[in-house]
Each structure stands twice: as structure tokens, then as C-alpha cells.
Amino acid sequence: MGHYDNMVERDVQEALKEQAEKAAQASIDNTLNERGARYGTFTDHAELSQNLKGLILQHYFLTHGKEQAPQLPAYMVEAVSMICHKLARIANGDPTYDDSWRDIAGYAQLVVEELTEKTRTNP
């Protein structure tokens, strides 16, 4: 393969790479546009989601006393976090999108299953 052939091969590879990058960006843009249409703006959602999480944790520590409050296991904290995330999507976007409601039920069910398992193994 000569010098010219190497240059052509390099140009073809660069063109293919550029085309793939544009396609990937278009896919990301499409996803963001779809999510924005369904859930509202990301910044509004993020603010509401973080406020909900903060209020719940603040209330937990106020209710139980900051020093005496039992530490919540990671699975409970994550479930509360994801439920707040889904509630913020509902409040900020389309409240009739049933997937958000199913997700909330799913996260709650995961906690119930974990608690049930712990009760079975540590009666």
C-alpha cells in the first residue's frame, strides 16, 4: 500500500469516526428532547427532587433526634432517593405517565422484600 493509499484510508477512518460521533450526539439529543417533553426541564426536576430528599431526611432526623436516629441502610436511602426522583418527574412533567408510578411501586416493593427477608433470617 502506497503513501496515497494510506492517506485515503486515514481520511475514510476519520470520516467514519466523525459520522459515528454525529450519530451518537443525535441519539443523545433525541433522548434529552424526549425526556424534557415527558418530565419537564432537568434543572426544575433536579431542584424539586433534591428538595424532596432533603425534606424527608431533615424530617427523619428531627423526628428521631439527630444523634439517636437509627442509621438507615443504603437500600432504604436509595429507595427513598429514587421515589423522590420519580415524584419530582411526576410533579414536574406528565403525571399520567404510568411508568413513573410503577417505578415508585417497584422501589417500595424492593424495600418490603428486603425487610421481609431480614425478618425471615433474623426473627
Protein backbone atom coordinates (compact mmCIF):
# COMPACT_ATOMS: atom_id res chain seq x y z
CA MET A 1 0.00 0.00 0.00
CA GLY A 2 1.47 3.33 -1.03
CA HIS A 3 1.54 6.68 0.72
CA TYR A 4 -1.54 7.85 -1.18
CA ASP A 5 -3.48 4.72 -0.17
CA ASN A 6 -2.57 5.29 3.49
CA MET A 7 -3.83 8.87 3.27
CA VAL A 8 -7.13 7.74 1.73
CA GLU A 9 -7.53 5.04 4.37
CA ARG A 10 -6.88 7.60 7.12
CA ASP A 11 -9.41 10.01 5.58
CA VAL A 12 -12.02 7.27 5.37
CA GLN A 13 -11.41 6.28 9.00
CA GLU A 14 -11.70 9.90 10.15
CA ALA A 15 -14.91 10.38 8.15
CA LEU A 16 -16.41 7.21 9.66
CA LYS A 17 -15.40 8.32 13.15
CA GLU A 18 -16.95 11.76 12.62
CA GLN A 19 -20.15 10.19 11.28
CA ALA A 20 -20.36 7.87 14.31
CA GLU A 21 -19.83 10.79 16.70
CA LYS A 22 -22.59 12.79 14.99
CA ALA A 23 -24.96 9.82 15.18
CA ALA A 24 -24.18 9.33 18.87
CA GLN A 25 -24.77 13.02 19.58
CA ALA A 26 -28.04 12.94 17.65
CA SER A 27 -29.14 9.95 19.73
CA ILE A 28 -28.28 11.80 22.97
CA ASP A 29 -30.09 14.92 21.75
CA ASN A 30 -33.17 12.87 20.85
CA THR A 31 -33.19 11.20 24.26
CA LEU A 32 -32.84 14.54 26.06
CA ASN A 33 -35.63 16.07 23.98
CA GLU A 34 -37.93 13.12 24.70
CA ARG A 35 -37.18 13.25 28.43
CA GLY A 36 -37.67 17.01 28.51
CA ALA A 37 -41.05 16.69 26.82
CA ARG A 38 -42.17 14.00 29.28
CA TYR A 39 -40.55 15.17 32.55
CA GLY A 40 -40.03 18.92 32.15
CA THR A 41 -36.73 20.73 32.39
CA PHE A 42 -33.83 18.91 34.01
CA THR A 43 -32.97 21.84 36.28
CA ASP A 44 -36.53 22.19 37.61
CA HIS A 45 -36.72 18.44 38.15
CA ALA A 46 -33.33 18.35 39.88
CA GLU A 47 -34.26 21.17 42.23
CA LEU A 48 -37.56 19.56 43.22
CA SER A 49 -36.02 16.10 43.58
CA GLN A 50 -33.22 17.37 45.83
CA ASN A 51 -35.66 19.44 47.91
CA LEU A 52 -37.89 16.39 48.46
CA LYS A 53 -34.93 14.25 49.54
CA GLY A 54 -33.69 16.98 51.85
CA LEU A 55 -37.11 17.46 53.46
CA ILE A 56 -37.51 13.75 54.10
CA LEU A 57 -34.07 13.36 55.65
CA GLN A 58 -34.49 16.54 57.68
CA HIS A 59 -37.84 15.32 59.00
CA TYR A 60 -36.39 11.89 59.80
CA PHE A 61 -33.63 13.38 61.92
CA LEU A 62 -35.96 15.90 63.58
CA THR A 63 -38.42 13.15 64.43
CA HIS A 64 -35.86 10.66 65.73
CA GLY A 65 -33.24 13.06 67.05
CA LYS A 66 -30.08 13.51 65.02
CA GLU A 67 -27.87 11.61 67.48
CA GLN A 68 -30.41 8.88 68.30
CA ALA A 69 -31.79 8.28 64.81
CA PRO A 70 -31.10 4.77 63.62
CA GLN A 71 -28.92 4.81 60.53
CA LEU A 72 -30.98 3.91 57.51
CA PRO A 73 -29.49 1.10 55.44
CA ALA A 74 -28.26 2.01 51.97
CA TYR A 75 -31.14 0.20 50.27
CA MET A 76 -33.70 2.35 52.13
CA VAL A 77 -31.84 5.58 51.40
CA GLU A 78 -31.60 4.63 47.74
CA ALA A 79 -35.28 3.69 47.55
CA VAL A 80 -36.31 7.00 49.14
CA SER A 81 -33.98 8.83 46.76
CA MET A 82 -35.42 7.10 43.69
CA ILE A 83 -39.01 7.54 44.87
CA CYS A 84 -38.35 11.27 45.32
CA HIS A 85 -36.79 11.32 41.86
CA LYS A 86 -39.91 9.72 40.38
CA LEU A 87 -42.26 12.01 42.35
CA ALA A 88 -40.36 15.02 41.05
CA ARG A 89 -40.75 13.71 37.49
CA ILE A 90 -44.50 13.35 38.08
CA ALA A 91 -44.85 16.83 39.57
CA ASN A 92 -42.59 18.49 37.00
CA GLY A 93 -43.83 16.61 33.94
CA ASP A 94 -46.51 14.20 32.82
CA PRO A 95 -48.44 12.87 35.85
CA THR A 96 -50.33 10.39 33.67
CA TYR A 97 -47.21 8.51 32.59
CA ASP A 98 -47.81 5.21 34.36
CA ASP A 99 -44.18 4.08 34.21
CA SER A 100 -43.24 6.63 36.89
CA TRP A 101 -45.94 5.27 39.20
CA ARG A 102 -44.85 1.69 38.52
CA ASP A 103 -41.27 2.62 39.34
CA ILE A 104 -42.35 4.07 42.69
CA ALA A 105 -44.23 0.86 43.49
CA GLY A 106 -41.20 -1.16 42.41
CA TYR A 107 -38.75 0.68 44.67
CA ALA A 108 -41.14 0.38 47.61
CA GLN A 109 -41.55 -3.34 46.87
CA LEU A 110 -37.78 -3.85 46.89
CA VAL A 111 -37.63 -2.40 50.41
CA VAL A 112 -40.53 -4.60 51.54
CA GLU A 113 -38.78 -7.68 50.14
CA GLU A 114 -35.53 -6.77 51.88
CA LEU A 115 -37.33 -6.22 55.19
CA THR A 116 -39.26 -9.48 54.78
CA GLU A 117 -36.02 -11.35 54.08
CA LYS A 118 -34.34 -9.82 57.13
CA THR A 119 -37.34 -10.80 59.29
CA ARG A 120 -37.13 -14.38 58.00
CA THR A 121 -33.41 -14.71 58.67
CA ASN A 122 -33.44 -12.78 61.99
CA PRO A 123 -36.78 -13.47 63.67
